[in-house]
Amino acid sequence: MLPLVALVGRPNVGKSTLFNALTRTRDALVHDEPGVTRDRNYGVCRLLEGRPFVLVDTGGIAGEDEGLAGATARQSRAAAEEADLILFVVDGREGASALDDDILRWLRKQSKPTLLVVNKSDGIDLQTALAEFARYGFGDALPVSSAQRTGIDALLAKTAALLPAEGSTETLDDDPSRVRIAFVGRPNVGKSTLVNRILGEERMIASDVPGTTRDSIAVDLERDGRKYRLIDTAGLRRRGKVEEAVEKFSAFKTLQAIEQCQVAVLMLDASEGVTDQDATVLGAILDAGRALVIVLNKWDGRTDYERQQAEALAARKLSFVEWAERVRISALHGSGLRELFKSIHRAHASATHVFSTADVTRAVEAAYTAYPPPVVRGHVAKLRFAHPGGDTPPTFVVHGTRLKTLSATYQRYLENFFRKRFKLVGTPIRFIFRENNNPYEGKKNVLTDRQVEKKRRLMRHVKRGG
């Protein structure tokens, strides 16, 4: 159990920049626009030798109790309540504000060890800035510049002095047995609601406003004896519709989450069907080669006719990924979660299955015998042998001759044959075809003197005989 340190303050004081500086990562989304951070984002600071601690970045407390601002403030207060140490971050350039005063009054009621961090202290009159915050009653205000990485050592020294021997939280571990699941989709399809339902708490901010989630937030979970890492992502839209810089960064974070996960859960809105934006998200998943489970959310409240229409539309528009299982759920009410996890397990098992060279070669031989490739310009491709080339997705390297003549239709036949033979569901399959090289190609046969003389005698004999 590592100690937990929470970064708390009003919007746009540099909490996310400080989070990145202390964790030596770029996990937190940073932009000059206030209110970019909304959900709690956890990371580990290992800059203190022998004293690592968990750091949580929070959204700014804006003094509102309704809407997204109110939900963000509740997330920040929840982080402060569970923390062992609070870093109260203020803006040294703008000085103290009435909102800072309100936050400090609330923090004092928590009776938690608190440090005052005066951020953005570079390029200003430091004594004047610190004097303005002297009325807060902290013994030592710590001036730092998160962007310039100055004052970090003094902050760490003060933090080490106040950290308890053991903390109140566990960090994200690197256990390879954890199934990494990314929940992806276009905005407002219920990704955060589903993650909250699985966790059994309001861990993510869920709202009817599209684009509520802006960062990719990872949470570890143990369910029925198995370990998972759930990654809630921002909604992806088509590139032509992405205009704001923050949304571009959010989209980049989502694409990173897809690359790092093992199973991607593509969420669709059953009331709206499959849209062009859904196709954009699906394309990103297929490009990454990740296992796939398709979820039809908001299934509750649909009439039988509406459900039949949704099923028919999904089957027609997603026919090219018919190997992916489709699950009907209600993230709001929690129905269908057991079936969802069963599909995730099957997709993960298929994507990470370990194949032997003998099994793969026998599968290629059986496929070739059952249906040989067609003749192309008088030649037929021959499949000699094959071996596994990796997992997630399962990759097979096929060796043979004239493999460039294999049509896309025959390659799809091989894919379907392998999928049926090895019972692979929920994962794409990739084939790499390699031509067998002629070892004598490009090499000139140089004759010895004896061979040259023998060839001459033979030629003379042929001429005399003619």
Protein backbone atom coordinates (compact mmCIF):
# COMPACT_ATOMS: atom_id res chain seq x y z
CA MET A 1 0.00 0.00 0.00
CA LEU A 2 1.59 3.26 -1.15
CA PRO A 3 0.81 6.68 0.34
CA LEU A 4 -1.60 8.80 -1.68
CA VAL A 5 -0.91 12.47 -2.47
CA ALA A 6 -3.68 14.56 -4.06
CA LEU A 7 -3.24 17.70 -6.16
CA VAL A 8 -6.11 20.06 -5.38
CA GLY A 9 -6.85 23.60 -6.53
CA ARG A 10 -9.00 25.78 -8.75
CA PRO A 11 -8.96 25.36 -12.56
CA ASN A 12 -5.91 26.24 -14.65
CA VAL A 13 -3.33 26.55 -11.85
CA GLY A 14 -1.06 23.85 -13.39
CA LYS A 15 -2.00 20.71 -11.47
CA SER A 16 -1.74 18.45 -14.52
CA THR A 17 1.63 19.95 -15.51
CA LEU A 18 2.88 19.33 -11.96
CA PHE A 19 1.49 15.78 -12.13
CA ASN A 20 3.49 15.09 -15.30
CA ALA A 21 6.62 16.63 -13.77
CA LEU A 22 6.41 14.48 -10.63
CA THR A 23 5.52 11.23 -12.41
CA ARG A 24 7.93 11.87 -15.30
CA THR A 25 5.16 11.00 -17.77
CA ARG A 26 2.74 12.68 -20.14
CA ASP A 27 -0.27 10.84 -18.77
CA ALA A 28 -2.17 13.99 -17.85
CA LEU A 29 -3.72 16.11 -20.59
CA VAL A 30 -2.30 19.65 -20.43
CA HIS A 31 -3.71 22.77 -22.10
CA ASP A 32 -4.09 26.46 -21.31
CA GLU A 33 -7.88 26.11 -21.40
CA PRO A 34 -9.42 25.90 -17.89
CA GLY A 35 -11.28 22.73 -16.97
CA VAL A 36 -9.41 20.31 -19.23
CA THR A 37 -8.98 17.74 -16.43
CA ARG A 38 -12.24 16.27 -15.13
CA ASP A 39 -11.71 12.73 -13.88
CA ARG A 40 -9.19 11.59 -11.31
CA ASN A 41 -5.95 10.42 -12.89
CA TYR A 42 -3.54 8.30 -10.85
CA GLY A 43 0.20 7.88 -11.32
CA VAL A 44 3.29 6.96 -9.31
CA CYS A 45 6.07 9.34 -8.33
CA ARG A 46 9.38 7.50 -7.94
CA LEU A 47 11.65 10.55 -7.57
CA LEU A 48 12.06 9.92 -3.83
CA GLU A 49 14.56 7.09 -3.48
CA GLY A 50 12.94 4.27 -1.56
CA ARG A 51 9.73 6.27 -0.97
CA PRO A 52 7.44 6.01 -3.99
CA PHE A 53 3.94 7.39 -3.60
CA VAL A 54 0.74 7.55 -5.61
CA LEU A 55 -0.11 10.95 -7.05
CA VAL A 56 -3.64 11.81 -8.14
CA ASP A 57 -4.39 14.65 -10.54
CA THR A 58 -7.82 16.21 -10.12
CA GLY A 59 -9.99 18.65 -11.98
CA GLY A 60 -10.27 22.21 -10.77
CA ILE A 61 -12.82 23.11 -8.10
CA ALA A 62 -14.74 25.99 -9.68
CA GLY A 63 -17.17 26.67 -6.85
CA GLU A 64 -20.21 25.22 -8.67
CA ASP A 65 -22.31 22.28 -7.56
CA GLU A 66 -24.28 21.59 -10.76
CA GLY A 67 -23.41 20.21 -14.18
CA LEU A 68 -19.93 19.15 -15.24
CA ALA A 69 -18.25 21.67 -12.94
CA GLY A 70 -20.08 20.21 -9.96
CA ALA A 71 -19.21 16.63 -10.97
CA THR A 72 -15.55 17.61 -11.41
CA ALA A 73 -15.52 19.25 -7.97
CA ARG A 74 -16.99 16.10 -6.40
CA GLN A 75 -14.23 14.04 -7.98
CA SER A 76 -11.60 16.43 -6.59
CA ARG A 77 -13.10 16.35 -3.11
CA ALA A 78 -13.26 12.55 -3.19
CA ALA A 79 -9.54 12.44 -4.02
CA ALA A 80 -8.74 14.82 -1.16
CA GLU A 81 -10.80 12.78 1.30
CA GLU A 82 -8.93 9.56 0.52
CA ALA A 83 -5.47 11.19 0.36
CA ASP A 84 -2.76 10.94 3.01
CA LEU A 85 -1.30 14.30 1.97
CA ILE A 86 -2.80 17.20 0.02
CA LEU A 87 -0.85 19.55 -2.22
CA PHE A 88 -2.92 22.73 -2.43
CA VAL A 89 -1.82 24.29 -5.74
CA VAL A 90 -2.29 28.02 -6.37
CA ASP A 91 -1.28 30.37 -9.19
CA GLY A 92 1.65 32.61 -8.26
CA ARG A 93 1.09 34.94 -11.20
CA GLU A 94 -2.60 35.63 -10.60
CA GLY A 95 -2.31 35.65 -6.83
CA ALA A 96 -4.86 34.59 -4.23
CA SER A 97 -8.53 34.58 -5.19
CA ALA A 98 -11.84 34.18 -3.40
CA LEU A 99 -12.10 30.68 -4.89
CA ASP A 100 -8.73 29.77 -3.36
CA ASP A 101 -10.07 30.99 -0.01
CA ASP A 102 -13.14 28.77 -0.30
CA ILE A 103 -11.08 25.71 -1.24
CA LEU A 104 -8.72 26.28 1.68
CA ARG A 105 -11.62 26.55 4.15
CA TRP A 106 -12.92 23.20 2.92
CA LEU A 107 -9.45 21.61 3.09
CA ARG A 108 -8.99 22.68 6.71
CA LYS A 109 -12.16 20.82 7.62
CA GLN A 110 -10.58 17.60 6.35
CA SER A 111 -7.81 17.72 8.97
CA LYS A 112 -5.29 16.30 6.48
CA PRO A 113 -1.61 17.29 6.21
CA THR A 114 -1.51 20.00 3.53
CA LEU A 115 1.28 21.79 1.68
CA LEU A 116 0.79 25.09 -0.15
CA VAL A 117 2.38 24.92 -3.61
CA VAL A 118 2.74 28.27 -5.40
CA ASN A 119 2.98 27.26 -9.04
CA LYS A 120 4.03 29.37 -12.07
CA SER A 121 6.63 31.14 -9.94
CA ASP A 122 9.11 31.64 -12.77
CA GLY A 123 9.58 35.16 -14.15
CA ILE A 124 7.75 36.94 -11.30
CA ASP A 125 8.71 38.79 -8.10
CA LEU A 126 8.83 35.75 -5.84
CA GLN A 127 8.79 37.64 -2.52
CA THR A 128 5.69 39.60 -3.51
CA ALA A 129 3.91 36.45 -4.67
CA LEU A 130 4.70 34.54 -1.47
CA ALA A 131 3.71 37.50 0.67
CA GLU A 132 0.25 37.50 -0.91
CA PHE A 133 -0.31 33.93 0.24
CA ALA A 134 1.14 34.52 3.72
CA ARG A 135 -2.36 35.16 5.10
CA TYR A 136 -3.19 31.49 4.50
CA GLY A 137 -1.11 30.65 7.52
CA PHE A 138 1.21 28.03 6.05
CA GLY A 139 4.66 27.96 7.58
CA ASP A 140 6.41 27.49 4.26
CA ALA A 141 4.84 28.13 0.89
CA LEU A 142 6.70 26.14 -1.75
CA PRO A 143 7.36 28.10 -4.98
CA VAL A 144 7.63 25.85 -8.03
CA SER A 145 7.44 26.06 -11.79
CA SER A 146 5.96 22.86 -13.14
CA ALA A 147 6.68 23.85 -16.72
CA GLN A 148 10.36 24.64 -16.02
CA ARG A 149 10.78 21.81 -13.44
CA THR A 150 12.13 24.22 -10.81
CA GLY A 151 11.44 23.87 -7.10
CA ILE A 152 10.58 20.18 -7.48
CA ASP A 153 13.39 18.99 -5.17
CA ALA A 154 12.24 21.22 -2.30
CA LEU A 155 8.66 20.07 -2.82
CA LEU A 156 9.72 16.41 -2.72
CA ALA A 157 11.73 16.98 0.47
CA LYS A 158 8.69 18.49 2.22
CA THR A 159 6.46 15.74 0.87
CA ALA A 160 8.80 13.02 2.18
CA ALA A 161 8.69 14.52 5.66
CA LEU A 162 4.89 14.32 5.80
CA LEU A 163 4.30 10.98 4.09
CA PRO A 164 3.09 8.15 6.35
CA ALA A 165 4.95 4.85 6.44
CA GLU A 166 2.03 3.12 4.71
CA GLY A 167 -0.65 4.68 2.63
CA SER A 168 -4.32 4.18 1.92
CA THR A 169 -4.22 3.05 -1.68
CA GLU A 170 -2.65 0.62 -4.11
CA THR A 171 -1.10 1.69 -7.37
CA LEU A 172 -1.54 0.31 -10.85
CA ASP A 173 0.69 -2.74 -11.03
CA ASP A 174 2.50 -4.35 -13.95
CA ASP A 175 1.00 -7.80 -13.46
CA PRO A 176 1.04 -9.38 -16.95
CA SER A 177 -1.96 -11.52 -16.04
CA ARG A 178 -4.22 -8.45 -15.99
CA VAL A 179 -6.54 -8.26 -18.96
CA ARG A 180 -6.22 -4.75 -20.38
CA ILE A 181 -9.63 -3.60 -21.64
CA ALA A 182 -10.23 -0.28 -23.42
CA PHE A 183 -13.80 1.01 -23.70
CA VAL A 184 -13.96 3.01 -26.92
CA GLY A 185 -16.62 4.58 -29.09
CA ARG A 186 -17.93 7.88 -30.29
CA PRO A 187 -18.98 10.53 -27.75
CA ASN A 188 -21.97 9.96 -25.49
CA VAL A 189 -22.49 6.21 -26.00
CA GLY A 190 -22.12 5.38 -22.29
CA LYS A 191 -18.46 4.38 -21.84
CA SER A 192 -18.00 6.12 -18.48
CA THR A 193 -21.39 4.90 -17.26
CA LEU A 194 -20.40 1.32 -18.06
CA VAL A 195 -17.04 1.61 -16.27
CA ASN A 196 -18.78 3.09 -13.22
CA ARG A 197 -21.31 0.24 -13.26
CA ILE A 198 -18.54 -2.38 -13.41
CA LEU A 199 -16.59 -0.70 -10.59
CA GLY A 200 -19.70 -0.15 -8.48
CA GLU A 201 -18.85 3.50 -7.79
CA GLU A 202 -18.90 6.90 -9.48
CA ARG A 203 -15.26 6.70 -10.50
CA MET A 204 -15.73 8.50 -13.83
CA ILE A 205 -17.82 11.57 -14.57
CA ALA A 206 -20.83 10.43 -16.59
CA SER A 207 -23.00 13.05 -18.27
CA ASP A 208 -25.40 13.48 -21.17
CA VAL A 209 -23.08 16.15 -22.55
CA PRO A 210 -20.99 14.70 -25.43
CA GLY A 211 -17.23 14.89 -24.84
CA THR A 212 -17.42 14.76 -21.04
CA THR A 213 -14.43 12.41 -20.82
CA ARG A 214 -11.27 14.04 -22.15
CA ASP A 215 -8.47 11.88 -20.81
CA SER A 216 -7.84 8.13 -20.83
CA ILE A 217 -8.25 6.91 -17.25
CA ALA A 218 -7.03 3.44 -16.18
CA VAL A 219 -8.42 1.64 -13.14
CA ASP A 220 -7.43 -1.80 -11.82
CA LEU A 221 -10.17 -4.24 -10.87
CA GLU A 222 -10.41 -7.77 -9.52
CA ARG A 223 -13.63 -9.59 -10.39
CA ASP A 224 -14.46 -13.25 -9.78
CA GLY A 225 -10.82 -14.06 -9.10
CA ARG A 226 -9.50 -12.44 -12.30
CA LYS A 227 -7.58 -9.19 -12.64
CA TYR A 228 -8.44 -6.46 -15.12
CA ARG A 229 -7.31 -2.99 -16.09
CA LEU A 230 -10.23 -0.93 -17.33
CA ILE A 231 -9.41 2.08 -19.53
CA ASP A 232 -12.12 4.68 -20.05
CA THR A 233 -11.39 6.76 -23.13
CA ALA A 234 -12.61 9.94 -24.75
CA GLY A 235 -15.06 9.62 -27.63
CA LEU A 236 -13.54 9.52 -31.11
CA ARG A 237 -14.96 11.51 -34.01
CA ARG A 238 -13.98 11.73 -37.65
CA ARG A 239 -10.84 13.78 -38.21
CA GLY A 240 -12.69 16.36 -40.26
CA LYS A 241 -14.90 17.22 -37.28
CA VAL A 242 -12.09 17.52 -34.71
CA GLU A 243 -11.29 21.20 -34.40
CA GLU A 244 -10.37 22.04 -30.81
CA ALA A 245 -6.80 21.36 -29.70
CA VAL A 246 -8.01 19.65 -26.52
CA GLU A 247 -10.11 17.23 -28.54
CA LYS A 248 -7.12 16.43 -30.74
CA PHE A 249 -5.07 15.55 -27.67
CA SER A 250 -7.97 13.48 -26.33
CA ALA A 251 -8.19 11.57 -29.60
CA PHE A 252 -4.45 10.89 -29.46
CA LYS A 253 -4.83 9.54 -25.92
CA THR A 254 -7.65 7.27 -27.06
CA LEU A 255 -5.55 5.89 -29.91
CA GLN A 256 -2.74 5.25 -27.42
CA ALA A 257 -5.16 3.36 -25.17
CA ILE A 258 -6.24 1.19 -28.12
CA GLU A 259 -2.60 0.36 -28.89
CA GLN A 260 -1.89 -0.57 -25.26
CA CYS A 261 -4.98 -2.68 -24.58
CA GLN A 262 -5.54 -6.37 -25.31
CA VAL A 263 -9.31 -6.23 -25.80
CA ALA A 264 -11.17 -3.24 -27.22
CA VAL A 265 -14.84 -2.96 -26.29
CA LEU A 266 -16.53 -0.94 -29.04
CA MET A 267 -19.69 0.63 -27.66
CA LEU A 268 -22.60 1.45 -29.96
CA ASP A 269 -25.83 3.26 -29.19
CA ALA A 270 -28.66 0.80 -29.91
CA SER A 271 -31.07 3.69 -30.36
CA GLU A 272 -29.01 5.25 -33.17
CA GLY A 273 -27.46 2.23 -34.87
CA VAL A 274 -24.06 2.09 -36.56
CA THR A 275 -22.87 5.51 -37.74
CA ASP A 276 -19.90 6.77 -39.75
CA GLN A 277 -18.22 7.81 -36.49
CA ASP A 278 -18.53 4.22 -35.23
CA ALA A 279 -16.81 3.05 -38.41
CA THR A 280 -13.96 5.49 -37.70
CA VAL A 281 -13.43 4.02 -34.22
CA LEU A 282 -13.67 0.47 -35.56
CA GLY A 283 -11.04 1.28 -38.17
CA ALA A 284 -8.62 2.40 -35.44
CA ILE A 285 -9.16 -0.89 -33.58
CA LEU A 286 -8.59 -3.01 -36.69
CA ASP A 287 -5.46 -1.03 -37.60
CA ALA A 288 -4.07 -1.81 -34.15
CA GLY A 289 -5.01 -5.50 -34.50
CA ARG A 290 -6.73 -5.69 -31.13
CA ALA A 291 -9.28 -8.24 -29.98
CA LEU A 292 -12.79 -6.85 -30.33
CA VAL A 293 -16.11 -7.10 -28.53
CA ILE A 294 -19.02 -5.07 -29.88
CA VAL A 295 -21.52 -3.76 -27.32
CA LEU A 296 -25.01 -2.53 -28.15
CA ASN A 297 -25.70 -0.20 -25.23
CA LYS A 298 -28.98 1.39 -24.14
CA TRP A 299 -30.78 -1.87 -24.94
CA ASP A 300 -33.31 -1.30 -22.15
CA GLY A 301 -36.45 0.55 -23.10
CA ARG A 302 -36.33 -0.60 -26.73
CA THR A 303 -39.38 -2.31 -28.17
CA ASP A 304 -39.08 -5.71 -29.86
CA TYR A 305 -39.33 -4.05 -33.25
CA GLU A 306 -36.58 -1.53 -32.40
CA ARG A 307 -34.36 -4.33 -31.16
CA GLN A 308 -34.87 -6.33 -34.34
CA GLN A 309 -34.04 -3.26 -36.42
CA ALA A 310 -30.90 -2.57 -34.37
CA GLU A 311 -29.77 -6.19 -34.74
CA ALA A 312 -30.38 -6.21 -38.50
CA LEU A 313 -28.57 -2.90 -39.01
CA ALA A 314 -25.57 -4.02 -36.94
CA ALA A 315 -25.38 -7.35 -38.77
CA ARG A 316 -25.45 -5.61 -42.17
CA LYS A 317 -22.98 -2.80 -41.46
CA LEU A 318 -20.59 -4.94 -39.39
CA SER A 319 -20.55 -7.96 -41.67
CA PHE A 320 -16.80 -7.52 -42.28
CA VAL A 321 -16.15 -8.16 -38.56
CA GLU A 322 -18.62 -11.00 -38.11
CA TRP A 323 -15.94 -12.80 -36.06
CA ALA A 324 -16.51 -10.26 -33.25
CA GLU A 325 -19.20 -11.17 -30.73
CA ARG A 326 -22.04 -8.69 -30.14
CA VAL A 327 -23.43 -8.20 -26.65
CA ARG A 328 -26.57 -6.31 -25.63
CA ILE A 329 -26.32 -4.41 -22.38
CA SER A 330 -27.67 -1.54 -20.36
CA ALA A 331 -24.77 0.33 -18.77
CA LEU A 332 -27.20 2.38 -16.70
CA HIS A 333 -28.93 -0.61 -15.11
CA GLY A 334 -26.10 -3.15 -15.31
CA SER A 335 -27.87 -5.80 -17.38
CA GLY A 336 -25.74 -7.95 -19.68
CA LEU A 337 -22.44 -7.50 -17.79
CA ARG A 338 -21.94 -11.24 -17.23
CA GLU A 339 -22.31 -11.93 -20.96
CA LEU A 340 -19.96 -9.02 -21.70
CA PHE A 341 -17.17 -10.45 -19.55
CA LYS A 342 -17.64 -13.91 -21.05
CA SER A 343 -17.13 -12.42 -24.51
CA ILE A 344 -14.08 -10.49 -23.28
CA HIS A 345 -12.57 -13.69 -21.88
CA ARG A 346 -13.12 -15.58 -25.15
CA ALA A 347 -11.65 -12.75 -27.23
CA HIS A 348 -8.64 -12.42 -24.92
CA ALA A 349 -8.00 -16.18 -24.91
CA SER A 350 -8.12 -16.28 -28.71
CA ALA A 351 -5.86 -13.25 -29.15
CA THR A 352 -3.19 -14.55 -26.75
CA HIS A 353 -3.37 -18.27 -27.64
CA VAL A 354 0.05 -19.92 -28.04
CA PHE A 355 0.37 -22.02 -31.21
CA SER A 356 3.01 -24.60 -32.04
CA THR A 357 4.77 -24.77 -35.40
CA ALA A 358 3.52 -28.33 -35.93
CA ASP A 359 -0.13 -27.34 -35.39
CA VAL A 360 0.14 -24.36 -37.73
CA THR A 361 1.88 -26.39 -40.46
CA ARG A 362 -0.75 -29.13 -40.25
CA ALA A 363 -3.49 -26.49 -40.54
CA VAL A 364 -1.88 -25.05 -43.68
CA GLU A 365 -1.52 -28.53 -45.20
CA ALA A 366 -5.16 -29.35 -44.42
CA ALA A 367 -6.37 -26.07 -45.92
CA TYR A 368 -4.24 -26.60 -49.04
CA THR A 369 -5.48 -30.16 -49.50
CA ALA A 370 -9.14 -29.23 -49.02
CA TYR A 371 -9.01 -26.31 -51.45
CA PRO A 372 -5.82 -25.71 -53.48
CA PRO A 373 -5.15 -22.20 -54.82
CA PRO A 374 -6.39 -21.51 -58.36
CA VAL A 375 -4.04 -21.51 -61.34
CA VAL A 376 -2.71 -18.04 -62.18
CA ARG A 377 -0.94 -17.60 -65.55
CA GLY A 378 -0.18 -21.29 -65.69
CA HIS A 379 1.30 -21.48 -62.19
CA VAL A 380 -0.09 -22.63 -58.86
CA ALA A 381 1.10 -21.29 -55.51
CA LYS A 382 2.44 -23.94 -53.17
CA LEU A 383 2.22 -23.64 -49.38
CA ARG A 384 5.16 -25.53 -47.88
CA PHE A 385 5.03 -24.92 -44.13
CA ALA A 386 4.08 -22.27 -41.57
CA HIS A 387 4.89 -21.16 -38.05
CA PRO A 388 3.42 -18.68 -35.52
CA GLY A 389 4.66 -15.12 -35.80
CA GLY A 390 3.17 -13.49 -32.68
CA ASP A 391 -0.02 -12.84 -30.77
CA THR A 392 -2.51 -10.01 -30.24
CA PRO A 393 -3.44 -10.52 -32.99
CA PRO A 394 -2.49 -14.12 -33.83
CA THR A 395 0.01 -13.92 -36.69
CA PHE A 396 1.06 -16.81 -38.92
CA VAL A 397 4.07 -16.85 -41.26
CA VAL A 398 3.47 -19.05 -44.33
CA HIS A 399 6.38 -20.17 -46.50
CA GLY A 400 6.05 -21.43 -50.04
CA THR A 401 6.52 -20.60 -53.72
CA ARG A 402 4.60 -18.23 -55.99
CA LEU A 403 2.74 -16.87 -52.98
CA LYS A 404 2.35 -13.51 -54.68
CA THR A 405 -0.31 -15.09 -56.88
CA LEU A 406 -2.58 -15.82 -53.88
CA SER A 407 -5.76 -13.80 -54.29
CA ALA A 408 -7.50 -11.89 -51.50
CA THR A 409 -10.30 -14.45 -51.71
CA TYR A 410 -7.93 -17.33 -50.96
CA GLN A 411 -6.35 -15.41 -48.10
CA ARG A 412 -9.82 -14.92 -46.60
CA TYR A 413 -10.39 -18.65 -47.03
CA LEU A 414 -7.21 -19.35 -45.05
CA GLU A 415 -8.31 -16.93 -42.35
CA ASN A 416 -11.74 -18.56 -42.02
CA PHE A 417 -10.18 -22.04 -42.07
CA PHE A 418 -7.78 -21.14 -39.24
CA ARG A 419 -10.57 -19.41 -37.29
CA LYS A 420 -12.76 -22.53 -37.49
CA ARG A 421 -9.97 -25.04 -36.87
CA PHE A 422 -8.58 -23.28 -33.77
CA LYS A 423 -11.96 -21.90 -32.60
CA LEU A 424 -10.77 -18.29 -32.62
CA VAL A 425 -13.41 -15.67 -31.83
CA GLY A 426 -13.21 -11.94 -31.26
CA THR A 427 -9.76 -11.42 -32.74
CA PRO A 428 -8.40 -10.54 -36.18
CA ILE A 429 -5.90 -12.91 -37.81
CA ARG A 430 -2.88 -11.85 -39.83
CA PHE A 431 -0.88 -13.84 -42.38
CA ILE A 432 2.63 -13.08 -43.57
CA PHE A 433 3.57 -14.82 -46.82
CA ARG A 434 7.24 -15.44 -47.55
CA GLU A 435 8.64 -16.81 -50.77
CA ASN A 436 11.28 -19.52 -50.51
CA ASN A 437 14.48 -18.13 -52.01
CA ASN A 438 16.51 -20.04 -54.59
CA PRO A 439 19.94 -20.49 -52.97
CA TYR A 440 21.66 -20.48 -56.39
CA GLU A 441 19.89 -17.40 -57.74
CA GLY A 442 22.38 -14.81 -58.96
CA LYS A 443 25.36 -17.13 -58.53
CA LYS A 444 27.52 -17.96 -61.58
CA ASN A 445 28.80 -21.51 -61.88
CA VAL A 446 32.55 -21.10 -62.50
CA LEU A 447 34.01 -24.20 -64.22
CA THR A 448 37.39 -25.61 -63.32
CA ASP A 449 40.09 -26.10 -66.00
CA ARG A 450 39.34 -29.82 -66.11
CA GLN A 451 35.63 -29.17 -66.59
CA VAL A 452 36.38 -26.68 -69.38
CA GLU A 453 38.56 -29.20 -71.20
CA LYS A 454 35.92 -31.92 -70.81
CA LYS A 455 33.28 -29.58 -72.24
CA ARG A 456 35.51 -28.86 -75.28
CA ARG A 457 36.04 -32.55 -75.97
CA LEU A 458 32.31 -33.13 -75.77
CA MET A 459 31.58 -30.32 -78.21
CA ARG A 460 34.16 -31.65 -80.70
CA HIS A 461 32.63 -35.09 -80.46
CA VAL A 462 29.15 -33.69 -81.13
CA LYS A 463 30.39 -31.75 -84.18
CA ARG A 464 32.18 -34.75 -85.68
CA GLY A 465 29.14 -36.87 -85.18
CA GLY A 466 27.03 -34.25 -86.97
